[in-house]
Protein backbone atom coordinates (compact mmCIF):
# COMPACT_ATOMS: atom_id res chain seq x y z
CA MET A 1 101.83 152.80 70.02
CA ASN A 2 99.60 152.18 71.72
CA ASP A 3 100.23 150.51 75.58
CA GLU A 4 96.60 149.83 75.62
CA SER A 5 96.52 145.89 76.07
CA ILE A 6 95.00 143.25 73.25
CA THR A 7 92.60 140.86 74.09
CA VAL A 8 93.53 137.59 71.72
CA ASP A 9 90.47 135.43 70.92
CA TYR A 10 92.75 132.23 70.54
CA GLU A 11 89.67 130.20 69.91
CA GLN A 12 89.74 131.89 66.53
CA PHE A 13 93.00 129.61 65.91
CA ILE A 14 91.88 126.39 67.02
CA PRO A 15 90.49 124.25 63.31
CA ARG A 16 87.16 122.61 66.15
CA GLU A 17 85.46 123.22 68.85
CA THR A 18 86.81 120.50 70.37
CA GLY A 19 90.32 121.43 70.44
CA PHE A 20 92.35 123.94 72.71
CA ILE A 21 95.17 125.82 72.44
CA PHE A 22 97.92 126.44 75.40
CA LYS A 23 101.21 128.33 75.67
CA PHE A 24 104.08 127.57 77.25
CA ILE A 25 108.08 128.92 78.24
CA LYS A 26 111.13 127.16 79.48
CA LYS A 27 112.19 128.70 83.17
CA ASP A 28 115.17 126.90 85.11
CA ASN A 29 115.25 124.15 82.98
CA GLN A 30 111.25 123.32 83.33
CA PHE A 31 108.45 123.98 80.54
CA ILE A 32 106.10 126.15 82.08
CA HIS A 33 102.14 126.46 80.90
CA THR A 34 101.35 130.18 80.67
CA PHE A 35 98.40 129.84 78.99
CA ILE A 36 95.48 127.13 78.01
CA GLU A 37 91.44 127.59 76.53
CA GLY A 38 89.50 125.61 74.14
CA LYS A 39 86.12 123.48 74.59
CA LEU A 40 88.58 120.55 74.88
CA ILE A 41 89.99 121.06 78.00
CA GLU A 42 87.12 120.07 80.67
CA LYS A 43 86.75 116.87 78.22
CA VAL A 44 90.04 115.60 79.30
CA GLY A 45 89.84 116.42 82.69
CA LEU A 46 91.72 119.48 83.21
CA CYS A 47 90.96 123.02 83.71
CA PRO A 48 93.26 126.21 83.04
CA ASP A 49 93.71 126.62 87.32
CA LEU A 50 95.57 123.01 86.84
CA VAL A 51 97.47 124.13 83.78
CA ILE A 52 98.76 127.65 83.73
CA GLY A 53 101.71 128.67 85.60
CA ARG A 54 102.87 125.00 86.00
CA SER A 55 104.90 122.13 84.55
CA LEU A 56 103.78 118.84 82.96
CA MET A 57 104.85 116.57 86.46
CA GLU A 58 102.46 118.77 88.12
CA PHE A 59 98.95 117.56 86.50
CA LEU A 60 100.09 114.50 84.25
CA PRO A 61 101.19 110.86 84.64
CA PRO A 62 105.05 110.52 84.95
CA ASP A 63 105.10 107.95 81.60
CA GLN A 64 102.93 110.42 79.59
CA VAL A 65 105.35 113.44 81.24
CA LYS A 66 108.45 112.07 79.85
CA ARG A 67 107.31 111.69 76.42
CA LYS A 68 105.78 114.89 76.43
CA GLU A 69 109.13 116.68 77.38
CA VAL A 70 110.97 114.91 74.01
CA PHE A 71 108.54 117.07 72.15
CA TYR A 72 108.55 120.15 74.04
CA GLU A 73 112.09 120.52 73.97
CA LYS A 74 112.00 119.65 69.76
CA ALA A 75 109.25 122.78 69.70
CA TRP A 76 112.06 125.22 71.55
CA ASN A 77 114.58 124.09 69.59
CA GLY A 78 112.96 125.50 66.71
CA GLU A 79 111.22 122.88 65.35
CA GLN A 80 107.27 122.17 64.14
CA VAL A 81 106.18 119.13 66.23
CA ASN A 82 102.91 116.93 65.59
CA TYR A 83 102.34 114.37 67.80
CA GLU A 84 99.43 112.59 68.92
CA GLY A 85 98.20 111.35 72.70
CA SER A 86 95.60 110.34 75.45
CA ILE A 87 93.64 111.58 78.03
CA GLY A 88 90.87 110.70 79.88
CA GLY A 89 90.24 108.20 77.47
CA ILE A 90 90.60 110.91 74.86
CA HIS A 91 92.72 110.52 71.77
CA TYR A 92 94.29 114.04 70.44
CA LEU A 93 96.74 115.29 67.97
CA ALA A 94 99.40 118.22 68.89
CA VAL A 95 100.97 120.98 67.29
CA LEU A 96 103.38 122.56 68.80
CA ASN A 97 104.69 126.20 67.07
CA PRO A 98 107.66 127.57 68.32
CA ILE A 99 107.57 131.40 68.56
CA ARG A 100 111.46 132.21 67.71
CA ILE A 101 112.85 136.34 67.80
CA ASN A 102 116.36 137.17 66.84
CA GLY A 103 116.70 133.01 66.52
CA GLU A 104 115.99 132.32 69.92
CA THR A 105 113.11 130.72 71.28
CA VAL A 106 110.53 132.87 73.35
CA GLU A 107 107.32 130.38 73.94
CA VAL A 108 105.72 127.50 72.36
CA ILE A 109 102.18 127.67 71.06
CA GLY A 110 100.25 124.64 70.69
CA THR A 111 97.08 123.74 69.52
CA THR A 112 95.29 120.53 70.00
CA ILE A 113 92.55 118.47 68.23
CA ASP A 114 90.05 115.63 69.57
CA ILE A 115 90.94 113.04 66.86
CA THR A 116 88.56 110.34 69.45
CA LYS A 117 85.85 109.69 66.03
CA GLU A 118 89.21 109.15 63.75
CA LYS A 119 90.54 106.43 66.66
CA ILE A 120 87.44 104.18 66.62
CA ARG A 121 86.96 104.14 63.04
CA GLU A 122 90.76 103.12 62.30
CA LYS A 123 90.01 100.51 65.36
CA GLN A 124 87.25 99.61 63.73
CA ALA A 125 89.40 99.05 60.56
CA GLN A 126 92.09 96.95 61.63
CA GLN A 127 89.45 95.26 63.57
CA MET A 128 87.77 94.52 60.33
CA GLU A 129 90.78 93.13 58.52
CA LYS A 130 91.46 91.07 61.44
CA LEU A 131 88.20 89.66 60.91
CA SER A 132 88.59 89.31 57.11
CA VAL A 133 91.82 87.59 57.52
CA VAL A 134 90.10 85.18 60.20
CA GLY A 135 87.11 84.76 57.28
CA GLU A 136 90.04 83.65 55.02
CA LEU A 137 90.67 80.99 56.92
CA ALA A 138 87.61 79.85 58.29
CA ALA A 139 86.27 79.06 54.88
CA GLY A 140 89.29 77.68 53.79
CA ILE A 141 90.21 75.15 56.36
CA ALA A 142 86.43 74.52 58.11
CA HIS A 143 85.29 71.75 55.71
CA GLU A 144 88.53 70.23 55.54
CA ILE A 145 88.39 69.77 59.82
CA ARG A 146 84.50 68.61 59.69
CA ASN A 147 84.83 65.63 57.02
CA PRO A 148 87.45 63.80 59.40
CA LEU A 149 85.81 65.05 62.41
CA THR A 150 82.14 63.42 61.43
CA SER A 151 84.20 60.13 60.93
CA LEU A 152 86.29 60.00 64.12
CA LYS A 153 83.26 60.66 66.15
CA GLY A 154 81.28 57.85 64.51
CA PHE A 155 83.85 55.77 64.51
CA ALA A 156 84.56 56.50 68.05
CA LYS A 157 80.57 56.08 69.28
CA ILE A 158 80.55 52.34 67.49
CA VAL A 159 83.64 51.73 69.37
CA LYS A 160 82.38 52.45 72.47
CA GLU A 161 78.92 50.44 71.58
CA SER A 162 81.05 47.45 71.50
CA VAL A 163 83.78 48.02 73.53
CA THR A 164 83.98 45.16 75.94
CA ASP A 165 87.06 46.71 78.31
CA GLN A 166 85.10 48.74 80.73
CA LYS A 167 88.09 50.55 81.35
CA LEU A 168 88.48 52.17 78.22
CA ILE A 169 85.03 53.97 78.06
CA PRO A 170 86.40 57.19 80.08
CA TYR A 171 88.74 57.34 77.50
CA LEU A 172 86.66 57.15 74.73
CA ASP A 173 84.25 60.06 76.42
CA ILE A 174 87.07 61.94 76.61
CA MET A 175 87.40 61.56 72.84
CA LEU A 176 83.93 62.51 72.28
CA ASP A 177 83.90 65.37 74.19
CA GLU A 178 87.02 66.71 72.63
CA MET A 179 86.03 66.29 69.48
CA ASP A 180 82.72 68.38 70.46
CA ARG A 181 85.04 70.99 71.27
CA ILE A 182 86.71 70.71 67.99
CA ASN A 183 83.33 71.20 66.23
CA ARG A 184 82.30 74.31 68.97
CA ILE A 185 85.90 75.87 67.35
CA VAL A 186 84.98 75.23 63.67
CA ASN A 187 81.69 76.43 64.09
CA GLU A 188 82.78 79.76 65.87
CA PHE A 189 85.25 80.00 62.85
CA MET A 190 82.15 80.03 60.45
CA PHE A 191 79.94 82.04 62.24
CA ILE A 192 82.89 84.65 62.32
CA ALA A 193 83.56 84.06 58.69
CA LYS A 194 80.04 84.45 57.51
CA PRO A 195 77.64 85.69 60.32
CA ASN A 196 75.43 87.30 58.20
CA GLU A 197 74.13 83.24 57.67
CA ASN A 198 71.14 81.59 59.13
CA VAL A 199 70.00 85.06 60.89
CA HIS A 200 66.39 85.07 61.72
CA PHE A 201 64.75 88.15 63.78
CA GLN A 202 61.25 87.94 65.28
CA PHE A 203 59.65 89.21 67.98
CA MET A 204 60.28 87.41 71.45
CA ASN A 205 60.17 87.39 75.19
CA PHE A 206 63.03 88.68 75.89
CA SER A 207 63.07 88.46 79.59
CA LYS A 208 61.69 84.66 79.31
CA LEU A 209 64.68 84.10 76.75
CA ILE A 210 67.57 85.34 79.63
CA THR A 211 65.23 82.97 81.88
CA ASP A 212 66.15 79.84 80.08
CA CYS A 213 69.64 80.63 80.11
CA ILE A 214 69.79 81.33 83.47
CA HIS A 215 68.38 77.96 84.14
CA PHE A 216 70.07 75.81 81.47
CA MET A 217 73.41 77.66 83.68
CA GLU A 218 72.14 76.59 87.05
CA PRO A 219 73.87 73.45 87.21
CA GLN A 220 77.04 74.55 86.82
CA ALA A 221 76.49 77.30 88.78
CA ASN A 222 75.30 75.28 91.55
CA LEU A 223 78.38 73.26 91.40
CA LYS A 224 80.10 75.77 92.43
CA SER A 225 77.31 77.29 95.12
CA ILE A 226 77.10 80.23 93.12
CA LYS A 227 73.79 81.76 92.54
CA ILE A 228 72.39 83.53 89.68
CA GLU A 229 69.82 86.06 90.56
CA PHE A 230 67.95 87.82 87.67
CA ASP A 231 65.69 91.00 88.05
CA VAL A 232 63.20 92.29 85.73
CA LYS A 233 61.22 95.24 86.25
CA VAL A 234 59.57 94.66 83.28
CA GLU A 235 58.76 92.15 80.50
CA ILE A 236 60.25 92.65 77.40
CA ILE A 237 59.71 92.08 73.80
CA LEU A 238 62.60 92.32 71.32
CA ASP A 239 63.36 91.93 67.90
CA CYS A 240 66.20 89.26 67.91
CA ASP A 241 68.06 85.41 66.11
CA ARG A 242 66.99 83.46 69.49
CA ASN A 243 69.48 81.18 68.63
CA GLN A 244 72.33 84.00 68.53
CA MET A 245 71.28 85.87 71.56
CA LYS A 246 71.48 82.52 73.43
CA GLN A 247 74.42 82.16 72.42
CA VAL A 248 75.61 85.23 73.86
CA LEU A 249 73.97 84.77 77.02
CA ILE A 250 75.27 81.36 77.74
CA ASN A 251 79.24 82.81 76.50
CA LEU A 252 78.62 85.36 79.01
CA LEU A 253 77.30 83.72 81.76
CA GLN A 254 79.99 80.87 81.63
CA ASN A 255 82.72 83.68 81.83
CA ALA A 256 80.87 85.26 84.75
CA ILE A 257 80.60 81.54 86.58
CA GLU A 258 84.63 80.93 85.95
CA ALA A 259 85.86 83.84 87.20
CA THR A 260 83.54 83.87 90.36
CA GLU A 261 85.32 81.87 93.45
CA ASP A 262 83.33 78.78 95.12
CA ASN A 263 81.05 79.26 98.16
CA GLY A 264 77.91 81.49 98.13
CA HIS A 265 79.06 84.48 95.75
CA PHE A 266 76.50 85.83 93.55
CA ILE A 267 75.83 86.89 89.76
CA SER A 268 73.82 89.23 89.16
CA VAL A 269 71.58 89.96 85.91
CA SER A 270 68.86 92.40 84.66
CA LEU A 271 67.21 93.62 82.32
CA ASP A 272 65.95 97.51 82.04
CA GLU A 273 64.49 99.67 79.54
CA ALA A 274 67.57 102.53 78.19
CA GLY A 275 65.13 104.82 76.55
CA GLY A 276 61.96 104.34 74.54
CA GLU A 277 63.79 102.34 71.87
CA SER A 278 66.48 100.00 73.54
CA VAL A 279 66.95 97.64 76.19
CA MET A 280 69.71 97.22 78.18
CA VAL A 281 70.68 93.81 79.79
CA THR A 282 73.70 93.74 82.56
CA ILE A 283 75.90 90.77 83.67
CA ARG A 284 77.67 91.15 86.85
CA ASP A 285 80.23 89.26 88.99
CA LYS A 286 82.36 89.59 91.59
CA GLY A 287 85.26 87.34 90.36
CA CYS A 288 88.91 88.19 89.73
CA GLY A 289 88.58 90.29 87.55
CA ILE A 290 90.07 91.65 84.01
CA PRO A 291 93.47 93.69 84.22
CA GLU A 292 93.27 97.09 82.56
CA SER A 293 96.09 95.96 79.78
CA ARG A 294 93.93 92.39 78.73
CA LEU A 295 90.64 94.67 79.23
CA LYS A 296 91.25 96.79 75.95
CA ARG A 297 92.35 93.60 73.73
CA LEU A 298 88.66 91.55 74.78
CA PHE A 299 87.50 91.79 71.17
CA GLU A 300 90.83 90.56 69.47
CA PRO A 301 90.69 87.36 67.28
CA PHE A 302 92.72 84.58 69.21
CA TYR A 303 93.48 86.82 72.34
CA SER A 304 91.92 85.24 75.24
CA THR A 305 92.52 85.67 79.36
CA LYS A 306 91.85 81.88 79.82
CA GLU A 307 94.57 79.11 79.44
CA LYS A 308 92.51 76.72 77.29
CA GLY A 309 90.62 79.78 75.33
CA THR A 310 90.21 80.06 71.90
CA GLY A 311 90.10 83.86 71.46
CA LEU A 312 86.79 83.77 69.56
CA GLY A 313 84.10 83.49 72.05
CA LEU A 314 83.83 87.47 72.95
CA LEU A 315 84.41 87.94 69.82
CA THR A 316 81.97 85.91 68.14
CA CYS A 317 79.33 87.85 71.19
CA LYS A 318 80.25 90.92 69.77
CA ARG A 319 79.57 89.84 66.19
CA ILE A 320 76.46 89.09 67.15
CA ILE A 321 75.58 92.29 69.35
CA ASP A 322 76.69 94.23 66.17
CA LEU A 323 74.51 91.77 63.69
CA HIS A 324 71.90 92.69 66.07
CA GLN A 325 72.80 96.83 65.67
CA GLY A 326 73.30 96.95 69.40
CA SER A 327 76.73 97.28 71.45
CA ILE A 328 79.17 95.94 74.05
CA ASP A 329 80.95 97.15 77.04
CA ILE A 330 83.20 95.28 79.74
CA GLU A 331 84.05 97.16 82.80
CA SER A 332 86.82 95.29 84.89
CA GLN A 333 88.82 95.91 88.06
CA PRO A 334 91.28 93.03 89.10
CA GLU A 335 89.80 91.20 92.45
CA GLU A 336 86.53 93.50 92.18
CA GLY A 337 84.63 91.65 89.25
CA THR A 338 83.18 92.14 86.02
CA VAL A 339 80.42 94.40 84.67
CA ILE A 340 78.93 93.86 81.17
CA ARG A 341 76.12 95.76 79.56
CA ILE A 342 74.99 95.14 76.42
CA LEU A 343 72.19 97.79 74.69
CA LEU A 344 69.81 96.48 72.26
CA PRO A 345 67.14 98.02 70.05
CA ARG A 346 63.59 96.59 70.29
CA VAL A 347 63.24 96.66 66.32
CA GLN A 348 65.78 96.22 64.09
CA ASN A 349 65.33 97.22 60.15
CA THR A 350 64.35 93.97 59.19
CA GLY A 351 62.21 91.68 60.62
CA THR A 352 59.23 89.20 60.96
CA LEU A 353 56.35 90.19 63.33
CA LEU A 354 56.22 87.42 64.93
CA ILE A 355 55.98 86.75 69.05
CA ALA A 356 57.88 83.77 70.20
CA GLU A 357 57.92 82.39 74.16
């Protein structure tokens, strides 16, 4: 038998390039990693020096250690184990294969592959299923609400114009405001149900559109002594639906104002080119921020961080951005503020060549 060392190309066992293979043994009741190799290691924020010769608790958070040790123990007891996990925003699928000699496990070989894209598609499918349910609900109840709501609003206006007791006017104003709020909620339901209806793309001065939205929101910001700053380095023409993008910008500015404390704070808005075919809108506030647990659920139907929120505002914004073939990303830290980035293509697949000021 040849005693020369043999170099094994472990990457041949990895199903994809975006994976890695690792090995561990059990020593002094601790699982010690003896090998790791593969292109996914750096993506998850690890390196061989952090893993080889170390136990799980030396490079992973305690909650992950506790979960993985269960799988490691099963594999060491002779089972083949499959499990999913995530590190550094990367979702992965791991398979643990025990190597046994004379009925005893001598080491375990683990194979890990990146399934982040699959998880994103799965999440999108779940989101679309939820939206479908919301859409069916909206289509079924919207007209039933609108008809009596229109009558109630009309009668309330008649009563307000003819009432002689001035003490009743504030109550009637509250009734009308609440009916307007109900109508806005119904409109949001209808948009979620049929987002493609009445969409009109046209080329317009997007810089001016943002300026108009800021001017519209300034009175509300002034009530809290908040200043909205707009930094635009170049005038940008964009192919979009003016009314829908206005709805997005006003909604996001409203959220930023509500999240920001009174007395001299700033909300900054910027518009920049993001490559030759895209533009980036950034809205930044120094408000109360959003915890990570809530941040992950912001675009779910009926989920809201506001006490009286419907959970449809941000969902509607995302639907509009999706219709514009763009993306929206939200970063936030509690007590530090929130940053919203919207990436939009300059030109849609379809659009009328019309410049709107």
